[in-house]
C-alpha cells in the first residue's frame, strides 16, 4: 500500500480532490486531518508561527492509530491523507510515501472558504473574519507555503479545474506505485 499525503492551505482543495480520487480509484481509502481532535492542537496560529511553527505540538496519535489499522487490514492499494503537514510531523512522516501539495493562490482559497463556511453569515461577520485573517491568520497560510510546499514531492497547480488536478494526482499515484 502507498500512503499519499495531499496538502494545501485551508480551502485549497485537499478534501475535494481526495473525495474525487476515492470515487475513481479502486482499492483506495482516505483519512482526513480535520476529522480528528488532537492533544496539543493549536488555537492561536498567529502565536504558533511567532513561536517557531513547531508541527510536532500536535500529538497525532489518533491519526497514527488509524493509519496502522488500515495498513494491518491489507485491503487497500492507496491511503490518501487529507493532511496539511507533509513530512513535518515526526509521528507521521515515516508513513508517507509521497507528499503532494496543491498550490492554490491565497485569494482563491479565501474565496472558497467564505463561500463554503460563511454562506449564512452577515456582511458584518464576513468583514470581521476578513480582518482577523489579515491581522492574525494569514501568517499561518504564508508559513505553510514556506514550510510545506518546498518539502512536498510534487506540487500541483491549484488554479486548474478539479478534473485536471485529479487526473494529475492519479498519474502521480501510478508513478509512485511503479517506483
N, C-alpha and C. Protein backbone atom coordinates (compact mmCIF):
# COMPACT_ATOMS: atom_id res chain seq x y z
N UNK A 1 0.84 -1.18 0.00
CA UNK A 1 0.00 0.00 0.00
C UNK A 1 0.88 1.24 0.00
N UNK A 2 0.45 2.23 -0.77
CA UNK A 2 1.14 3.51 -0.81
C UNK A 2 0.31 4.54 -0.05
N UNK A 3 1.00 5.32 0.77
CA UNK A 3 0.34 6.38 1.53
C UNK A 3 0.75 7.71 0.92
N UNK A 4 -0.26 8.44 0.46
CA UNK A 4 -0.03 9.70 -0.23
C UNK A 4 -0.71 10.82 0.56
N UNK A 5 0.09 11.76 1.02
CA UNK A 5 -0.42 12.92 1.74
C UNK A 5 -0.73 14.02 0.74
N UNK A 6 -1.92 14.56 0.83
CA UNK A 6 -2.33 15.68 -0.02
C UNK A 6 -2.44 16.90 0.89
N UNK A 7 -1.65 17.92 0.61
CA UNK A 7 -1.66 19.14 1.40
C UNK A 7 -2.04 20.35 0.58
N UNK A 8 -2.49 21.36 1.26
CA UNK A 8 -2.83 22.67 0.67
C UNK A 8 -3.19 23.57 1.84
N UNK A 9 -3.26 24.85 1.58
CA UNK A 9 -3.76 25.77 2.59
C UNK A 9 -5.24 25.47 2.83
N UNK A 10 -5.80 25.99 3.89
CA UNK A 10 -7.22 25.82 4.17
C UNK A 10 -8.03 26.28 2.95
N UNK A 11 -8.96 25.42 2.53
CA UNK A 11 -9.81 25.65 1.35
C UNK A 11 -9.02 25.62 0.05
N UNK A 12 -7.86 24.95 0.10
CA UNK A 12 -7.03 24.83 -1.09
C UNK A 12 -7.41 23.68 -2.01
N UNK A 13 -8.34 22.84 -1.58
CA UNK A 13 -8.83 21.77 -2.43
C UNK A 13 -8.51 20.36 -1.99
N UNK A 14 -7.88 20.18 -0.84
CA UNK A 14 -7.47 18.85 -0.38
C UNK A 14 -8.64 17.87 -0.33
N UNK A 15 -9.66 18.22 0.39
CA UNK A 15 -10.78 17.31 0.62
C UNK A 15 -11.53 17.02 -0.68
N UNK A 16 -11.76 18.04 -1.47
CA UNK A 16 -12.48 17.85 -2.74
C UNK A 16 -11.71 16.93 -3.67
N UNK A 17 -10.41 17.13 -3.77
CA UNK A 17 -9.58 16.28 -4.62
C UNK A 17 -9.59 14.84 -4.10
N UNK A 18 -9.42 14.66 -2.80
CA UNK A 18 -9.38 13.30 -2.25
C UNK A 18 -10.71 12.59 -2.43
N UNK A 19 -11.82 13.28 -2.25
CA UNK A 19 -13.12 12.65 -2.47
C UNK A 19 -13.26 12.18 -3.92
N UNK A 20 -12.79 12.97 -4.86
CA UNK A 20 -12.82 12.57 -6.26
C UNK A 20 -11.89 11.38 -6.52
N UNK A 21 -10.73 11.38 -5.89
CA UNK A 21 -9.81 10.26 -6.04
C UNK A 21 -10.42 8.96 -5.53
N UNK A 22 -11.04 9.02 -4.38
CA UNK A 22 -11.66 7.83 -3.79
C UNK A 22 -12.77 7.30 -4.68
N UNK A 23 -13.52 8.20 -5.30
CA UNK A 23 -14.59 7.80 -6.21
C UNK A 23 -14.04 7.11 -7.46
N UNK A 24 -12.85 7.47 -7.87
CA UNK A 24 -12.31 6.99 -9.15
C UNK A 24 -11.29 5.87 -9.04
N UNK A 25 -10.67 5.73 -7.89
CA UNK A 25 -9.59 4.76 -7.76
C UNK A 25 -10.05 3.54 -6.96
N UNK A 26 -9.96 2.37 -7.55
CA UNK A 26 -10.32 1.17 -6.79
C UNK A 26 -9.30 0.92 -5.69
N UNK A 27 -9.75 0.34 -4.63
CA UNK A 27 -8.88 -0.04 -3.51
C UNK A 27 -8.16 1.15 -2.89
N UNK A 28 -8.88 2.25 -2.76
CA UNK A 28 -8.32 3.43 -2.10
C UNK A 28 -9.22 3.83 -0.94
N UNK A 29 -8.61 4.38 0.07
CA UNK A 29 -9.32 4.86 1.26
C UNK A 29 -8.68 6.18 1.66
N UNK A 30 -9.37 6.96 2.48
CA UNK A 30 -8.80 8.23 2.92
C UNK A 30 -9.02 8.46 4.40
N UNK A 31 -8.13 9.25 4.96
CA UNK A 31 -8.27 9.78 6.32
C UNK A 31 -8.14 11.28 6.22
N UNK A 32 -8.92 11.99 7.03
CA UNK A 32 -8.98 13.45 6.94
C UNK A 32 -8.59 14.08 8.28
N UNK A 33 -7.53 14.85 8.24
CA UNK A 33 -6.98 15.52 9.42
C UNK A 33 -8.06 16.26 10.20
N UNK A 34 -8.96 16.92 9.50
CA UNK A 34 -9.99 17.73 10.17
C UNK A 34 -11.04 16.89 10.89
N UNK A 35 -11.05 15.58 10.69
CA UNK A 35 -11.99 14.71 11.40
C UNK A 35 -11.52 14.36 12.80
N UNK A 36 -10.34 14.80 13.18
CA UNK A 36 -9.75 14.44 14.46
C UNK A 36 -9.64 15.65 15.38
N UNK A 37 -9.60 15.34 16.68
CA UNK A 37 -9.18 16.31 17.69
C UNK A 37 -7.88 15.77 18.25
N UNK A 38 -6.88 16.64 18.31
CA UNK A 38 -5.56 16.20 18.74
C UNK A 38 -5.14 16.94 20.00
N UNK A 39 -4.48 16.22 20.89
CA UNK A 39 -3.84 16.84 22.04
C UNK A 39 -2.76 17.77 21.51
N UNK A 40 -2.69 18.97 22.05
CA UNK A 40 -1.70 19.94 21.61
C UNK A 40 -2.15 20.77 20.44
N UNK A 41 -3.39 20.55 19.99
CA UNK A 41 -3.94 21.27 18.83
C UNK A 41 -3.81 22.78 19.04
N UNK A 42 -3.40 23.47 18.02
CA UNK A 42 -3.14 24.91 18.10
C UNK A 42 -4.44 25.70 17.95
N UNK A 43 -4.66 26.65 18.86
CA UNK A 43 -5.81 27.54 18.77
C UNK A 43 -5.43 28.88 18.15
N UNK A 44 -4.24 29.37 18.47
CA UNK A 44 -3.78 30.67 18.01
C UNK A 44 -2.64 30.47 17.01
N UNK A 45 -3.00 30.42 15.74
CA UNK A 45 -2.00 30.15 14.70
C UNK A 45 -1.01 31.30 14.55
N UNK A 46 -1.45 32.51 14.81
CA UNK A 46 -0.55 33.66 14.76
C UNK A 46 0.59 33.47 15.76
N UNK A 47 0.24 33.14 16.98
CA UNK A 47 1.24 32.94 18.02
C UNK A 47 2.09 31.71 17.73
N UNK A 48 1.48 30.67 17.19
CA UNK A 48 2.20 29.45 16.84
C UNK A 48 3.32 29.76 15.84
N UNK A 49 3.02 30.57 14.84
CA UNK A 49 4.04 30.95 13.86
C UNK A 49 5.12 31.79 14.53
N UNK A 50 4.73 32.76 15.33
CA UNK A 50 5.70 33.62 16.03
C UNK A 50 6.61 32.79 16.92
N UNK A 51 6.04 31.73 17.52
CA UNK A 51 6.82 30.86 18.42
C UNK A 51 7.69 29.84 17.67
N UNK A 52 7.66 29.86 16.35
CA UNK A 52 8.55 28.99 15.60
C UNK A 52 7.88 27.92 14.75
N UNK A 53 6.57 27.87 14.73
CA UNK A 53 5.81 26.94 13.86
C UNK A 53 6.26 25.49 14.04
N UNK A 54 6.13 24.99 15.26
CA UNK A 54 6.51 23.61 15.56
C UNK A 54 5.35 22.68 15.21
N UNK A 55 5.51 21.91 14.16
CA UNK A 55 4.46 21.00 13.69
C UNK A 55 4.32 19.78 14.59
N UNK A 56 5.23 19.62 15.53
CA UNK A 56 5.17 18.48 16.44
C UNK A 56 4.38 18.76 17.72
N UNK A 57 3.82 19.97 17.86
CA UNK A 57 2.99 20.24 19.04
C UNK A 57 1.69 19.44 18.97
N UNK A 58 1.27 19.09 17.76
CA UNK A 58 0.10 18.25 17.60
C UNK A 58 0.50 16.81 17.92
N UNK A 59 -0.20 16.19 18.85
CA UNK A 59 0.01 14.76 19.12
C UNK A 59 -0.94 14.00 18.18
N UNK A 60 -0.38 13.46 17.11
CA UNK A 60 -1.19 12.84 16.07
C UNK A 60 -1.43 11.34 16.30
N UNK A 61 -1.36 10.92 17.54
CA UNK A 61 -1.55 9.51 17.88
C UNK A 61 -2.88 8.93 17.35
N UNK A 62 -4.01 9.65 17.44
CA UNK A 62 -5.25 9.06 16.88
C UNK A 62 -5.16 8.81 15.37
N UNK A 63 -4.53 9.71 14.64
CA UNK A 63 -4.35 9.52 13.20
C UNK A 63 -3.39 8.36 12.95
N UNK A 64 -2.30 8.31 13.68
CA UNK A 64 -1.33 7.23 13.55
C UNK A 64 -2.00 5.88 13.80
N UNK A 65 -2.83 5.80 14.80
CA UNK A 65 -3.53 4.56 15.13
C UNK A 65 -4.40 4.11 13.95
N UNK A 66 -5.12 5.05 13.34
CA UNK A 66 -5.97 4.71 12.20
C UNK A 66 -5.14 4.30 10.98
N UNK A 67 -4.02 4.95 10.77
CA UNK A 67 -3.12 4.56 9.67
C UNK A 67 -2.65 3.12 9.90
N UNK A 68 -2.22 2.83 11.13
CA UNK A 68 -1.75 1.47 11.44
C UNK A 68 -2.85 0.44 11.18
N UNK A 69 -4.08 0.73 11.57
CA UNK A 69 -5.18 -0.21 11.35
C UNK A 69 -5.42 -0.46 9.87
N UNK A 70 -5.35 0.59 9.07
CA UNK A 70 -5.55 0.44 7.62
C UNK A 70 -4.42 -0.37 7.02
N UNK A 71 -3.20 -0.12 7.43
CA UNK A 71 -2.06 -0.89 6.94
C UNK A 71 -2.24 -2.37 7.30
N UNK A 72 -2.59 -2.63 8.55
CA UNK A 72 -2.75 -4.01 9.02
C UNK A 72 -3.89 -4.74 8.32
N UNK A 73 -4.89 -4.00 7.87
CA UNK A 73 -6.03 -4.64 7.20
C UNK A 73 -5.63 -5.24 5.85
N UNK A 74 -4.59 -4.69 5.25
CA UNK A 74 -4.09 -5.16 3.96
C UNK A 74 -5.19 -5.23 2.89
N UNK A 75 -6.10 -4.26 2.92
CA UNK A 75 -7.24 -4.23 2.00
C UNK A 75 -7.11 -3.22 0.87
N UNK A 76 -6.17 -2.30 0.99
CA UNK A 76 -6.15 -1.16 0.08
C UNK A 76 -4.80 -1.02 -0.62
N UNK A 77 -4.86 -0.47 -1.82
CA UNK A 77 -3.63 -0.14 -2.55
C UNK A 77 -3.13 1.26 -2.21
N UNK A 78 -4.07 2.14 -1.87
CA UNK A 78 -3.73 3.55 -1.58
C UNK A 78 -4.45 4.02 -0.33
N UNK A 79 -3.72 4.78 0.47
CA UNK A 79 -4.31 5.56 1.55
C UNK A 79 -3.98 7.01 1.25
N UNK A 80 -5.03 7.81 1.02
CA UNK A 80 -4.85 9.24 0.81
C UNK A 80 -5.09 9.96 2.12
N UNK A 81 -4.10 10.71 2.54
CA UNK A 81 -4.23 11.51 3.76
C UNK A 81 -4.55 12.95 3.38
N UNK A 82 -5.69 13.43 3.82
CA UNK A 82 -6.05 14.84 3.72
C UNK A 82 -5.35 15.47 4.92
N UNK A 83 -4.14 15.95 4.68
CA UNK A 83 -3.20 16.19 5.77
C UNK A 83 -2.30 17.37 5.44
N UNK A 84 -2.26 18.38 6.29
CA UNK A 84 -1.57 19.62 5.93
C UNK A 84 -0.07 19.67 6.18
N UNK A 85 0.54 18.66 6.81
CA UNK A 85 1.92 18.82 7.29
C UNK A 85 3.00 18.14 6.46
N UNK A 86 2.65 17.39 5.44
CA UNK A 86 3.64 16.64 4.65
C UNK A 86 4.56 15.87 5.60
N UNK A 87 5.85 16.14 5.54
CA UNK A 87 6.82 15.40 6.35
C UNK A 87 7.20 16.13 7.65
N UNK A 88 6.46 17.14 8.05
CA UNK A 88 6.87 17.99 9.17
C UNK A 88 6.56 17.41 10.55
N UNK A 89 5.61 16.50 10.67
CA UNK A 89 5.31 15.93 11.99
C UNK A 89 6.05 14.60 12.11
N UNK A 90 6.89 14.49 13.14
CA UNK A 90 7.74 13.31 13.34
C UNK A 90 6.94 12.02 13.49
N UNK A 91 5.75 12.09 14.05
CA UNK A 91 4.96 10.89 14.30
C UNK A 91 4.41 10.28 13.01
N UNK A 92 4.18 11.09 11.99
CA UNK A 92 3.52 10.63 10.77
C UNK A 92 4.47 10.55 9.57
N UNK A 93 5.54 11.30 9.58
CA UNK A 93 6.37 11.46 8.38
C UNK A 93 6.87 10.15 7.78
N UNK A 94 7.22 9.17 8.59
CA UNK A 94 7.77 7.94 8.05
C UNK A 94 6.72 7.05 7.38
N UNK A 95 5.47 7.33 7.60
CA UNK A 95 4.39 6.58 6.93
C UNK A 95 4.20 7.03 5.48
N UNK A 96 4.55 8.26 5.20
CA UNK A 96 4.21 8.88 3.93
C UNK A 96 5.18 8.44 2.83
N UNK A 97 4.60 7.89 1.76
CA UNK A 97 5.39 7.52 0.59
C UNK A 97 5.57 8.70 -0.36
N UNK A 98 4.61 9.61 -0.34
CA UNK A 98 4.67 10.76 -1.23
C UNK A 98 3.80 11.87 -0.66
N UNK A 99 4.30 13.09 -0.74
CA UNK A 99 3.52 14.27 -0.34
C UNK A 99 3.27 15.12 -1.58
N UNK A 100 2.00 15.41 -1.81
CA UNK A 100 1.61 16.26 -2.94
C UNK A 100 0.99 17.52 -2.37
N UNK A 101 1.46 18.66 -2.85
CA UNK A 101 0.94 19.95 -2.38
C UNK A 101 0.14 20.59 -3.50
N UNK A 102 -1.11 20.93 -3.20
CA UNK A 102 -1.94 21.66 -4.15
C UNK A 102 -1.69 23.15 -3.90
N UNK A 103 -1.04 23.78 -4.84
CA UNK A 103 -0.63 25.18 -4.69
C UNK A 103 -1.76 26.10 -5.17
N UNK A 104 -2.67 26.39 -4.26
CA UNK A 104 -3.82 27.22 -4.55
C UNK A 104 -3.54 28.64 -4.08
N UNK A 105 -3.65 29.63 -4.94
CA UNK A 105 -3.43 31.01 -4.52
C UNK A 105 -4.32 31.38 -3.34
N UNK A 106 -3.78 32.20 -2.46
CA UNK A 106 -4.50 32.54 -1.23
C UNK A 106 -5.83 33.23 -1.49
N UNK A 107 -5.92 34.02 -2.55
CA UNK A 107 -7.20 34.69 -2.82
C UNK A 107 -8.28 33.68 -3.21
N UNK A 108 -7.91 32.66 -3.98
CA UNK A 108 -8.88 31.63 -4.36
C UNK A 108 -9.27 30.82 -3.13
N UNK A 109 -8.30 30.44 -2.31
CA UNK A 109 -8.60 29.69 -1.10
C UNK A 109 -9.52 30.49 -0.17
N UNK A 110 -9.25 31.77 -0.04
CA UNK A 110 -10.10 32.59 0.83
C UNK A 110 -11.52 32.70 0.27
N UNK A 111 -11.64 32.91 -1.03
CA UNK A 111 -12.97 32.98 -1.64
C UNK A 111 -13.72 31.67 -1.42
N UNK A 112 -13.05 30.54 -1.61
CA UNK A 112 -13.69 29.24 -1.37
C UNK A 112 -14.12 29.09 0.08
N UNK A 113 -13.24 29.51 0.98
CA UNK A 113 -13.55 29.39 2.42
C UNK A 113 -14.78 30.22 2.78
N UNK A 114 -14.84 31.42 2.30
CA UNK A 114 -16.01 32.27 2.58
C UNK A 114 -17.27 31.65 2.00
N UNK A 115 -17.19 31.19 0.75
CA UNK A 115 -18.36 30.57 0.13
C UNK A 115 -18.78 29.30 0.86
N UNK A 116 -17.81 28.50 1.28
CA UNK A 116 -18.09 27.22 1.95
C UNK A 116 -18.57 27.40 3.38
N UNK A 117 -17.88 28.25 4.14
CA UNK A 117 -18.11 28.32 5.58
C UNK A 117 -19.00 29.47 6.03
N UNK A 118 -19.23 30.43 5.17
CA UNK A 118 -19.92 31.64 5.63
C UNK A 118 -21.15 31.97 4.79
N UNK A 119 -21.74 30.98 4.19
CA UNK A 119 -22.89 31.24 3.31
C UNK A 119 -24.08 31.84 4.05
N UNK A 120 -24.19 31.57 5.33
CA UNK A 120 -25.29 32.10 6.13
C UNK A 120 -24.88 33.30 6.98
N UNK A 121 -23.65 33.77 6.81
CA UNK A 121 -23.13 34.85 7.64
C UNK A 121 -23.56 36.21 7.10
N UNK A 122 -23.62 37.16 8.02
CA UNK A 122 -23.94 38.53 7.63
C UNK A 122 -22.71 39.19 7.03
N UNK A 123 -22.93 40.31 6.37
CA UNK A 123 -21.82 41.07 5.80
C UNK A 123 -20.85 41.49 6.90
N UNK A 124 -21.37 41.86 8.05
CA UNK A 124 -20.51 42.27 9.17
C UNK A 124 -19.67 41.10 9.66
N UNK A 125 -20.23 39.92 9.74
CA UNK A 125 -19.47 38.74 10.16
C UNK A 125 -18.37 38.41 9.15
N UNK A 126 -18.67 38.55 7.89
CA UNK A 126 -17.66 38.30 6.85
C UNK A 126 -16.55 39.35 6.93
N UNK A 127 -16.92 40.62 7.10
CA UNK A 127 -15.91 41.67 7.26
C UNK A 127 -15.03 41.41 8.47
N UNK A 128 -15.63 40.99 9.55
CA UNK A 128 -14.87 40.69 10.77
C UNK A 128 -13.90 39.53 10.52
N UNK A 129 -14.36 38.51 9.83
CA UNK A 129 -13.50 37.37 9.51
C UNK A 129 -12.33 37.80 8.62
N UNK A 130 -12.57 38.70 7.69
CA UNK A 130 -11.50 39.19 6.81
C UNK A 130 -10.47 39.99 7.62
N UNK A 131 -10.92 40.75 8.58
CA UNK A 131 -9.99 41.49 9.44
C UNK A 131 -9.12 40.54 10.25
N UNK A 132 -9.74 39.51 10.81
CA UNK A 132 -8.99 38.51 11.58
C UNK A 132 -7.97 37.81 10.68
N UNK A 133 -8.39 37.47 9.47
CA UNK A 133 -7.49 36.83 8.52
C UNK A 133 -6.27 37.72 8.27
N UNK A 134 -6.52 38.98 7.96
CA UNK A 134 -5.42 39.88 7.62
C UNK A 134 -4.50 40.15 8.81
N UNK A 135 -5.07 40.28 10.02
CA UNK A 135 -4.27 40.61 11.20
C UNK A 135 -3.57 39.40 11.80
N UNK A 136 -4.24 38.24 11.79
CA UNK A 136 -3.73 37.12 12.57
C UNK A 136 -3.55 35.80 11.80
N UNK A 137 -4.45 35.48 10.91
CA UNK A 137 -4.45 34.13 10.31
C UNK A 137 -3.57 34.00 9.07
N UNK A 138 -3.46 35.05 8.29
CA UNK A 138 -2.70 34.97 7.03
C UNK A 138 -1.27 34.50 7.25
N UNK A 139 -0.70 34.85 8.37
CA UNK A 139 0.67 34.47 8.67
C UNK A 139 0.83 32.94 8.66
N UNK A 140 -0.20 32.21 9.11
CA UNK A 140 -0.14 30.75 9.11
C UNK A 140 -0.22 30.19 7.70
N UNK A 141 -1.02 30.81 6.84
CA UNK A 141 -1.09 30.39 5.44
C UNK A 141 0.28 30.58 4.78
N UNK A 142 0.89 31.72 5.02
CA UNK A 142 2.21 32.01 4.45
C UNK A 142 3.25 31.02 4.99
N UNK A 143 3.14 30.70 6.27
CA UNK A 143 4.09 29.74 6.87
C UNK A 143 3.98 28.38 6.18
N UNK A 144 2.77 27.97 5.87
CA UNK A 144 2.59 26.70 5.19
C UNK A 144 3.24 26.72 3.80
N UNK A 145 3.09 27.82 3.11
CA UNK A 145 3.73 27.94 1.79
C UNK A 145 5.25 27.89 1.93
N UNK A 146 5.78 28.43 3.02
CA UNK A 146 7.23 28.42 3.24
C UNK A 146 7.73 27.06 3.70
N UNK A 147 6.94 26.35 4.51
CA UNK A 147 7.40 25.10 5.11
C UNK A 147 6.99 23.85 4.36
N UNK A 148 5.75 23.78 3.91
CA UNK A 148 5.20 22.53 3.38
C UNK A 148 5.40 22.41 1.87
N UNK A 149 5.13 23.45 1.15
CA UNK A 149 5.27 23.39 -0.31
C UNK A 149 6.67 22.94 -0.74
N UNK A 150 7.74 23.53 -0.19
CA UNK A 150 9.09 23.15 -0.66
C UNK A 150 9.50 21.71 -0.34
N UNK A 151 8.94 21.11 0.70
CA UNK A 151 9.35 19.74 1.05
C UNK A 151 8.44 18.68 0.43
N UNK A 152 7.39 19.11 -0.23
CA UNK A 152 6.50 18.15 -0.89
C UNK A 152 7.19 17.56 -2.11
N UNK A 153 6.85 16.32 -2.40
CA UNK A 153 7.47 15.63 -3.54
C UNK A 153 6.99 16.18 -4.87
N UNK A 154 5.73 16.59 -4.90
CA UNK A 154 5.13 17.15 -6.11
C UNK A 154 4.27 18.34 -5.73
N UNK A 155 4.25 19.32 -6.62
CA UNK A 155 3.38 20.49 -6.45
C UNK A 155 2.45 20.54 -7.65
N UNK A 156 1.16 20.59 -7.35
CA UNK A 156 0.12 20.62 -8.38
C UNK A 156 -0.48 22.02 -8.40
N UNK A 157 -0.73 22.54 -9.57
CA UNK A 157 -1.27 23.89 -9.74
C UNK A 157 -2.74 23.93 -9.31
N UNK A 158 -3.02 24.60 -8.21
CA UNK A 158 -4.37 24.71 -7.67
C UNK A 158 -5.27 25.68 -8.41
N UNK A 159 -4.74 26.36 -9.42
CA UNK A 159 -5.56 27.25 -10.26
C UNK A 159 -6.42 26.46 -11.23
N UNK A 160 -6.03 25.23 -11.49
CA UNK A 160 -6.71 24.45 -12.52
C UNK A 160 -8.02 23.85 -12.01
N UNK A 161 -8.82 23.36 -12.95
CA UNK A 161 -10.11 22.78 -12.58
C UNK A 161 -9.89 21.44 -11.87
N UNK A 162 -10.91 21.02 -11.13
CA UNK A 162 -10.84 19.82 -10.32
C UNK A 162 -10.43 18.59 -11.14
N UNK A 163 -11.05 18.39 -12.28
CA UNK A 163 -10.77 17.19 -13.09
C UNK A 163 -9.30 17.13 -13.49
N UNK A 164 -8.71 18.25 -13.87
CA UNK A 164 -7.31 18.28 -14.27
C UNK A 164 -6.40 17.96 -13.09
N UNK A 165 -6.72 18.51 -11.93
CA UNK A 165 -5.92 18.24 -10.72
C UNK A 165 -6.02 16.76 -10.36
N UNK A 166 -7.23 16.22 -10.36
CA UNK A 166 -7.42 14.80 -10.02
C UNK A 166 -6.66 13.91 -10.99
N UNK A 167 -6.74 14.21 -12.28
CA UNK A 167 -6.01 13.42 -13.28
C UNK A 167 -4.51 13.45 -13.01
N UNK A 168 -3.97 14.62 -12.68
CA UNK A 168 -2.54 14.73 -12.40
C UNK A 168 -2.17 13.91 -11.17
N UNK A 169 -2.99 13.95 -10.13
CA UNK A 169 -2.70 13.18 -8.92
C UNK A 169 -2.78 11.68 -9.21
N UNK A 170 -3.72 11.25 -10.04
CA UNK A 170 -3.80 9.83 -10.42
C UNK A 170 -2.52 9.41 -11.15
N UNK A 171 -2.07 10.22 -12.08
CA UNK A 171 -0.82 9.91 -12.79
C UNK A 171 0.35 9.83 -11.80
N UNK A 172 0.42 10.78 -10.88
CA UNK A 172 1.50 10.76 -9.89
C UNK A 172 1.37 9.53 -9.00
N UNK A 173 0.16 9.16 -8.62
CA UNK A 173 -0.05 7.98 -7.77
C UNK A 173 0.41 6.72 -8.48
N UNK A 174 0.09 6.60 -9.76
CA UNK A 174 0.54 5.45 -10.54
C UNK A 174 2.06 5.42 -10.63
N UNK A 175 2.66 6.58 -10.77
CA UNK A 175 4.12 6.69 -10.84
C UNK A 175 4.75 6.21 -9.53
N UNK A 176 4.13 6.58 -8.42
CA UNK A 176 4.65 6.20 -7.09
C UNK A 176 4.61 4.69 -6.92
N UNK A 177 3.55 4.05 -7.41
CA UNK A 177 3.42 2.60 -7.28
C UNK A 177 4.53 1.88 -8.04
N UNK A 178 4.91 2.42 -9.19
CA UNK A 178 5.92 1.75 -10.01
C UNK A 178 7.35 2.04 -9.55
N UNK A 179 7.52 2.98 -8.66
CA UNK A 179 8.88 3.31 -8.18
C UNK A 179 9.35 2.33 -7.14
